[in-house]
């Protein structure tokens, strides 16, 4: 069980206990001597399980939401740290490279000092650190992507990192410029292979994110089509909305085609740098299409919101009119009842007067 799983596991038990104590007051445990009291206790006990379940679900949603936010913050923090580390290693590499270029001629002529060898070691080590920082960033992105074959791809990155770490040992053991030159050639070969992996794995990660976007876009397009049809059924002209939705779907088709072409290149084990560059261009073009598609979506949502507001006002007006009609009917009924009451009262008064007159006459 992972870190977050343990938190949820123990948090759930504590939550259940707190909820039960909050729902069952001391009075709920007291024995009632009256039939009404017993009935109330039974009713409370019958409903407590449902209430506990409901409360647990509510609190779990809150806990899970909090944990998700915490996890997102941790991931964001880690990403920022990796980016900062890459920036630091790049700066260190550039500085050490400049220092090395200043003493390179002495190494070639054989007129070098121990300090020159240390400068060369530092340059080679900073090169490795910069390479590893790049690989760590790629590894982090893979860990967050949860794509197909993620574990195998991460394992391949770890292997490249280990190879580069081994090169550091060779650099530390070198005592002559020739040994350092051999180590440099080995590092270059390892990095060329690693660089191929970096480009390919980065491309695959971007491709997987595009695939997720495409899956969501299909659902969005379906819901938009249904809503546009509903608007059309009211007699409103929707040709422009339909055209924009068609443009959106066409862009999504273009995105999928470019993504699939790029994926085929990234899957090739012997892909050349030119081919990888071409694959990246396909992905860049796909991302451009996505940006254009999102702009169309914003326009569609904006126009539909206008119709939604219009329909909302019409519904409110209809409800107001219906309420006014009902109030008018109620008023008419009240008036009729009042008139009837007046007639009944008048009849009663006339009867009283008649009876009174009769008694006076008899007297």
Protein backbone atom coordinates (compact mmCIF):
# COMPACT_ATOMS: atom_id res chain seq x y z
CA UNK A 1 0.00 0.00 0.00
CA UNK A 2 1.41 3.38 -1.05
CA UNK A 3 1.81 6.51 1.06
CA UNK A 4 -1.49 8.04 -0.01
CA UNK A 5 -3.28 4.68 0.31
CA UNK A 6 -2.21 4.33 3.94
CA UNK A 7 -3.39 7.85 4.72
CA UNK A 8 -6.81 7.12 3.21
CA UNK A 9 -6.97 3.68 4.94
CA UNK A 10 -6.33 4.98 8.46
CA UNK A 11 -8.18 8.23 7.80
CA UNK A 12 -11.32 6.27 6.89
CA UNK A 13 -11.34 4.42 10.24
CA UNK A 14 -10.93 7.65 12.18
CA UNK A 15 -13.62 9.31 10.07
CA UNK A 16 -16.10 6.46 10.73
CA UNK A 17 -15.52 6.61 14.50
CA UNK A 18 -15.93 10.42 14.60
CA UNK A 19 -19.09 10.26 12.50
CA UNK A 20 -20.68 7.58 14.70
CA UNK A 21 -19.90 9.61 17.83
CA UNK A 22 -21.34 12.76 16.23
CA UNK A 23 -24.54 11.01 15.11
CA UNK A 24 -25.18 8.90 18.21
CA UNK A 25 -25.54 11.31 21.09
CA UNK A 26 -25.48 10.02 24.71
CA UNK A 27 -29.27 10.12 24.67
CA UNK A 28 -29.31 7.61 21.84
CA UNK A 29 -27.63 5.04 24.11
CA UNK A 30 -30.02 5.65 27.01
CA UNK A 31 -32.76 3.07 27.59
CA UNK A 32 -36.27 4.44 27.26
CA UNK A 33 -39.08 3.05 29.40
CA UNK A 34 -41.84 4.35 27.18
CA UNK A 35 -43.09 2.77 23.97
CA UNK A 36 -42.63 6.06 22.14
CA UNK A 37 -39.03 6.30 23.37
CA UNK A 38 -38.30 2.74 22.25
CA UNK A 39 -39.77 3.47 18.84
CA UNK A 40 -37.63 6.58 18.47
CA UNK A 41 -34.50 4.66 19.47
CA UNK A 42 -35.27 1.90 16.95
CA UNK A 43 -35.86 4.44 14.21
CA UNK A 44 -32.55 6.15 15.07
CA UNK A 45 -30.67 2.84 14.97
CA UNK A 46 -32.27 1.88 11.66
CA UNK A 47 -31.18 5.11 9.99
CA UNK A 48 -27.73 5.45 11.53
CA UNK A 49 -26.05 3.06 9.09
CA UNK A 50 -27.35 5.00 6.10
CA UNK A 51 -26.32 8.27 7.70
CA UNK A 52 -22.84 6.96 8.53
CA UNK A 53 -22.41 5.75 4.96
CA UNK A 54 -23.52 9.12 3.61
CA UNK A 55 -21.23 11.05 5.94
CA UNK A 56 -18.28 8.78 5.19
CA UNK A 57 -18.78 9.29 1.47
CA UNK A 58 -18.92 13.06 1.93
CA UNK A 59 -15.80 13.16 4.09
CA UNK A 60 -13.96 10.71 1.86
CA UNK A 61 -14.66 13.00 -1.07
CA UNK A 62 -13.21 15.87 0.94
CA UNK A 63 -10.22 13.77 2.08
CA UNK A 64 -9.60 12.43 -1.42
CA UNK A 65 -9.89 15.92 -2.88
CA UNK A 66 -7.42 17.22 -0.30
CA UNK A 67 -5.01 14.35 -0.97
CA UNK A 68 -5.25 14.90 -4.70
CA UNK A 69 -4.43 18.58 -4.23
CA UNK A 70 -1.53 17.69 -1.93
CA UNK A 71 -0.25 15.14 -4.44
CA UNK A 72 -0.57 17.66 -7.26
CA UNK A 73 1.37 20.21 -5.20
CA UNK A 74 4.09 17.63 -4.53
CA UNK A 75 4.32 16.73 -8.21
CA UNK A 76 4.44 20.38 -9.20
CA UNK A 77 7.12 21.04 -6.58
CA UNK A 78 9.18 18.10 -7.84
CA UNK A 79 8.82 19.26 -11.43
CA UNK A 80 10.01 22.75 -10.49
CA UNK A 81 12.98 21.27 -8.63
CA UNK A 82 13.95 19.13 -11.62
CA UNK A 83 13.67 22.12 -13.92
CA UNK A 84 15.81 24.21 -11.59
CA UNK A 85 18.35 21.40 -11.31
CA UNK A 86 18.53 21.13 -15.08
CA UNK A 87 19.11 24.88 -15.30
CA UNK A 88 21.92 24.69 -12.72
CA UNK A 89 23.61 21.74 -14.46
CA UNK A 90 23.37 23.45 -17.82
CA UNK A 91 25.03 26.59 -16.44
CA UNK A 92 27.75 24.51 -14.79
CA UNK A 93 28.33 22.59 -18.03
CA UNK A 94 28.64 25.77 -20.09
CA UNK A 95 31.10 27.30 -17.63
CA UNK A 96 33.27 24.20 -17.42
CA UNK A 97 33.22 23.85 -21.21
CA UNK A 98 34.55 27.39 -21.62
CA UNK A 99 37.31 26.64 -19.11
CA UNK A 100 38.20 23.44 -20.96
CA UNK A 101 38.41 25.18 -24.33
CA UNK A 102 41.00 27.54 -22.85
CA UNK A 103 43.38 24.69 -21.93
CA UNK A 104 42.61 22.25 -24.75
CA UNK A 105 45.58 23.39 -26.84
CA UNK A 106 47.98 22.60 -23.97
CA UNK A 107 46.57 19.09 -23.69
CA UNK A 108 47.10 18.51 -27.42
CA UNK A 109 50.66 19.82 -27.32
CA UNK A 110 51.50 17.76 -24.25
CA UNK A 111 52.45 20.89 -22.30
CA UNK A 112 49.79 20.52 -19.63
CA UNK A 113 49.63 20.63 -15.84
CA UNK A 114 47.70 18.65 -13.23
CA UNK A 115 45.34 21.60 -12.96
CA UNK A 116 44.61 21.24 -16.68
CA UNK A 117 43.70 17.58 -16.11
CA UNK A 118 41.39 18.59 -13.26
CA UNK A 119 39.75 21.16 -15.55
CA UNK A 120 39.17 18.40 -18.11
CA UNK A 121 37.73 16.06 -15.48
CA UNK A 122 35.41 18.77 -14.26
CA UNK A 123 34.24 19.43 -17.82
CA UNK A 124 33.52 15.75 -18.48
CA UNK A 125 31.76 15.29 -15.13
CA UNK A 126 29.63 18.40 -15.65
CA UNK A 127 28.69 17.03 -19.07
CA UNK A 128 27.51 13.80 -17.44
CA UNK A 129 25.59 15.67 -14.73
CA UNK A 130 23.83 17.72 -17.39
CA UNK A 131 22.94 14.56 -19.32
CA UNK A 132 21.61 12.85 -16.19
CA UNK A 133 19.51 15.93 -15.31
CA UNK A 134 17.91 15.69 -18.76
CA UNK A 135 17.20 11.99 -18.27
CA UNK A 136 15.74 12.59 -14.79
CA UNK A 137 13.33 15.11 -16.26
CA UNK A 138 12.23 12.65 -18.92
CA UNK A 139 11.85 9.96 -16.26
CA UNK A 140 9.66 12.23 -14.14
CA UNK A 141 7.38 12.96 -17.11
CA UNK A 142 7.09 9.24 -17.80
CA UNK A 143 6.16 8.55 -14.17
CA UNK A 144 3.34 11.11 -14.37
CA UNK A 145 2.06 9.97 -17.77
CA UNK A 146 0.93 6.44 -16.77
CA UNK A 147 1.14 5.49 -20.42
CA UNK A 148 1.59 2.11 -22.07
CA UNK A 149 4.83 0.34 -21.17
CA UNK A 150 5.79 3.06 -18.71
CA UNK A 151 7.74 0.74 -16.39
CA UNK A 152 9.87 -0.67 -19.23
CA UNK A 153 10.57 2.80 -20.55
CA UNK A 154 11.56 4.08 -17.10
CA UNK A 155 13.81 1.06 -16.67
CA UNK A 156 15.57 1.92 -19.96
CA UNK A 157 16.15 5.48 -18.72
CA UNK A 158 17.56 4.17 -15.42
CA UNK A 159 19.96 1.97 -17.38
CA UNK A 160 21.25 4.97 -19.32
CA UNK A 161 21.74 6.89 -16.08
CA UNK A 162 23.71 3.99 -14.58
CA UNK A 163 25.94 3.86 -17.64
CA UNK A 164 26.70 7.55 -17.30
CA UNK A 165 27.45 7.15 -13.59
CA UNK A 166 29.96 4.42 -14.47
CA UNK A 167 31.66 6.81 -16.87
CA UNK A 168 32.31 9.10 -13.91
CA UNK A 169 34.35 6.38 -12.26
CA UNK A 170 36.48 6.01 -15.38
CA UNK A 171 37.08 9.77 -15.41
CA UNK A 172 38.13 9.75 -11.77
CA UNK A 173 40.63 6.96 -12.42
CA UNK A 174 42.18 8.60 -15.51
CA UNK A 175 45.64 10.09 -15.02
CA UNK A 176 46.62 10.86 -18.61
CA UNK A 177 45.03 12.97 -21.37
CA UNK A 178 44.71 9.82 -23.52
CA UNK A 179 42.63 8.11 -20.82
CA UNK A 180 40.42 11.17 -20.51
CA UNK A 181 40.02 11.25 -24.30
CA UNK A 182 38.92 7.60 -24.26
CA UNK A 183 36.43 8.38 -21.49
CA UNK A 184 35.12 11.36 -23.49
CA UNK A 185 34.51 9.17 -26.55
CA UNK A 186 32.70 6.62 -24.40
CA UNK A 187 30.55 9.36 -22.84
CA UNK A 188 29.72 10.69 -26.29
CA UNK A 189 28.56 7.26 -27.44
CA UNK A 190 26.47 6.69 -24.32
CA UNK A 191 24.90 10.12 -24.64
CA UNK A 192 24.09 9.67 -28.32
CA UNK A 193 22.14 6.55 -27.43
CA UNK A 194 20.56 8.27 -24.43
CA UNK A 195 19.70 11.35 -26.49
CA UNK A 196 17.85 9.11 -28.93
CA UNK A 197 15.88 7.72 -25.99
CA UNK A 198 15.21 11.21 -24.60
CA UNK A 199 13.78 12.47 -27.88
CA UNK A 200 11.75 9.31 -28.47
CA UNK A 201 10.39 9.03 -24.92
CA UNK A 202 9.52 12.71 -24.77
CA UNK A 203 7.70 12.38 -28.07
CA UNK A 204 5.81 9.30 -26.86
CA UNK A 205 4.75 11.12 -23.69
CA UNK A 206 3.43 14.09 -25.68
CA UNK A 207 1.67 11.68 -28.06
CA UNK A 208 -0.07 9.94 -25.15
CA UNK A 209 -1.29 13.27 -23.78
CA UNK A 210 -2.63 14.15 -27.23
CA UNK A 211 -4.45 10.80 -27.33
CA UNK A 212 -6.17 11.61 -24.02
CA UNK A 213 -7.18 14.99 -25.41
CA UNK A 214 -8.59 13.36 -28.55
CA UNK A 215 -10.67 10.95 -26.50
CA UNK A 216 -12.14 13.83 -24.53
CA UNK A 217 -12.72 15.83 -27.71
CA UNK A 218 -14.94 13.07 -29.11
CA UNK A 219 -17.20 13.30 -26.08
CA UNK A 220 -17.24 17.11 -26.26
CA UNK A 221 -18.12 17.06 -29.96
CA UNK A 222 -20.98 14.63 -29.32
CA UNK A 223 -22.46 16.78 -26.55
CA UNK A 224 -22.10 19.94 -28.62
CA UNK A 225 -23.83 18.30 -31.57
CA UNK A 226 -26.76 17.30 -29.35
CA UNK A 227 -27.06 20.79 -27.89
CA UNK A 228 -26.89 22.43 -31.33
CA UNK A 229 -29.64 20.08 -32.54
CA UNK A 230 -31.78 21.10 -29.56
CA UNK A 231 -31.29 24.75 -30.45
CA UNK A 232 -32.17 23.99 -34.08
CA UNK A 233 -35.40 22.26 -33.04
CA UNK A 234 -36.60 25.54 -31.53
CA UNK A 235 -36.51 27.09 -35.01
CA UNK A 236 -33.24 28.96 -34.44
CA UNK A 237 -30.76 29.10 -37.32
CA UNK A 238 -27.68 27.02 -36.38
CA UNK A 239 -25.82 26.75 -39.71
CA UNK A 240 -22.88 28.78 -38.41
CA UNK A 241 -22.59 26.68 -35.26
CA UNK A 242 -22.74 23.49 -37.29
CA UNK A 243 -19.99 24.77 -39.61
CA UNK A 244 -17.75 25.60 -36.65
CA UNK A 245 -18.30 22.17 -35.14
CA UNK A 246 -17.39 20.60 -38.49
CA UNK A 247 -14.18 22.65 -38.53
CA UNK A 248 -13.41 21.47 -35.00
CA UNK A 249 -13.91 17.80 -35.94
CA UNK A 250 -11.76 18.24 -39.04
CA UNK A 251 -8.92 19.65 -36.93
CA UNK A 252 -9.22 16.71 -34.53
CA UNK A 253 -8.91 14.30 -37.46
CA UNK A 254 -5.80 16.16 -38.56
CA UNK A 255 -4.35 15.94 -35.04
CA UNK A 256 -4.90 12.18 -34.94
CA UNK A 257 -3.27 11.63 -38.34
CA UNK A 258 -0.16 13.64 -37.40
CA UNK A 259 0.09 11.94 -34.02
CA UNK A 260 -0.03 8.48 -35.59
CA UNK A 261 2.71 9.35 -38.12
CA UNK A 262 4.93 10.64 -35.29
CA UNK A 263 4.29 7.52 -33.20
CA UNK A 264 5.42 5.24 -36.02
CA UNK A 265 8.76 7.07 -36.14
CA UNK A 266 9.24 7.08 -32.36
CA UNK A 267 8.66 3.31 -32.22
CA UNK A 268 11.54 2.65 -34.66
CA UNK A 269 14.63 1.47 -32.80
CA UNK A 270 16.93 2.61 -35.61
CA UNK A 271 15.29 5.98 -36.22
CA UNK A 272 17.80 8.61 -37.33
CA UNK A 273 18.07 12.08 -35.86
CA UNK A 274 16.48 13.48 -39.00
CA UNK A 275 13.52 11.14 -38.63
CA UNK A 276 13.11 12.05 -34.96
CA UNK A 277 13.21 15.71 -35.91
CA UNK A 278 10.49 15.05 -38.49
CA UNK A 279 8.38 13.26 -35.87
CA UNK A 280 8.70 16.24 -33.52
CA UNK A 281 7.56 18.54 -36.31
CA UNK A 282 4.46 16.38 -36.76
CA UNK A 283 3.71 16.72 -33.04
CA UNK A 284 4.28 20.48 -33.12
CA UNK A 285 1.86 20.78 -36.02
CA UNK A 286 -0.64 18.63 -34.13
CA UNK A 287 -0.37 20.95 -31.12
CA UNK A 288 -0.98 23.93 -33.40
CA UNK A 289 -4.15 22.24 -34.64
CA UNK A 290 -5.22 21.68 -31.03
CA UNK A 291 -4.75 25.38 -30.25
CA UNK A 292 -6.88 26.31 -33.28
CA UNK A 293 -9.51 23.76 -32.25
CA UNK A 294 -9.66 25.17 -28.71
CA UNK A 295 -10.26 28.63 -30.14
CA UNK A 296 -13.21 27.28 -32.14
CA UNK A 297 -14.54 25.58 -29.00
CA UNK A 298 -14.47 28.89 -27.13
CA UNK A 299 -16.50 30.50 -29.92
CA UNK A 300 -19.06 27.68 -29.90
CA UNK A 301 -19.42 27.75 -26.11
CA UNK A 302 -19.83 31.53 -26.18
CA UNK A 303 -22.61 31.37 -28.77
CA UNK A 304 -24.37 28.50 -27.04
CA UNK A 305 -24.28 30.39 -23.76
CA UNK A 306 -26.21 33.17 -25.49
CA UNK A 307 -28.90 30.66 -26.48
CA UNK A 308 -28.89 29.10 -23.03
CA UNK A 309 -29.47 32.53 -21.47
CA UNK A 310 -32.25 33.22 -23.96
CA UNK A 311 -33.95 29.92 -23.20
CA UNK A 312 -33.53 30.54 -19.49
CA UNK A 313 -35.29 33.90 -19.77
CA UNK A 314 -38.09 32.36 -21.83
CA UNK A 315 -38.57 29.64 -19.24
CA UNK A 316 -38.63 32.23 -16.45
CA UNK A 317 -41.18 34.29 -18.41
CA UNK A 318 -43.33 31.20 -18.97
CA UNK A 319 -43.14 30.33 -15.28
CA UNK A 320 -44.03 33.93 -14.37
CA UNK A 321 -46.97 33.91 -16.77
CA UNK A 322 -48.14 30.57 -15.40
CA UNK A 323 -47.82 31.86 -11.85
CA UNK A 324 -49.77 35.00 -12.76
CA UNK A 325 -52.53 32.87 -14.34
CA UNK A 326 -52.69 30.71 -11.25
CA UNK A 327 -52.82 33.81 -9.03
CA UNK A 328 -55.60 35.22 -11.20
CA UNK A 329 -57.55 31.96 -10.95
CA UNK A 330 -57.03 31.91 -7.20
CA UNK A 331 -58.20 35.52 -6.97
CA UNK A 332 -61.29 34.71 -9.01
CA UNK A 333 -62.02 31.72 -6.79
CA UNK A 334 -61.52 33.86 -3.68
CA UNK A 335 -63.86 36.52 -5.10
CA UNK A 336 -66.46 33.88 -5.88
CA UNK A 337 -66.14 32.49 -2.38
CA UNK A 338 -66.45 36.00 -0.91
CA UNK A 339 -69.54 36.71 -3.01
CA UNK A 340 -71.06 33.45 -1.91
CA UNK A 341 -70.26 34.24 1.73
CA UNK A 342 -71.84 37.68 1.30
CA UNK A 343 -74.98 36.11 -0.16
CA UNK A 344 -75.12 33.56 2.63
CA UNK A 345 -74.67 36.29 5.24
CA UNK A 346 -77.30 38.44 3.55
CA UNK A 347 -79.69 35.50 3.51
CA UNK A 348 -79.03 34.86 7.15
CA UNK A 349 -79.64 38.51 8.01
CA UNK A 350 -82.92 38.52 6.02
CA UNK A 351 -84.03 35.39 7.81
CA UNK A 352 -83.29 36.98 11.17
CA UNK A 353 -85.20 40.14 10.21
CA UNK A 354 -88.17 38.09 8.96
CA UNK A 355 -88.30 36.05 12.15
CA UNK A 356 -88.08 39.20 14.21
CA UNK A 357 -90.93 40.85 12.27
CA UNK A 358 -93.08 37.77 12.69
CA UNK A 359 -92.57 37.78 16.45
CA UNK A 360 -93.49 41.48 16.69
CA UNK A 361 -96.67 40.91 14.65
CA UNK A 362 -97.75 38.03 16.83
CA UNK A 363 -97.20 40.16 19.85
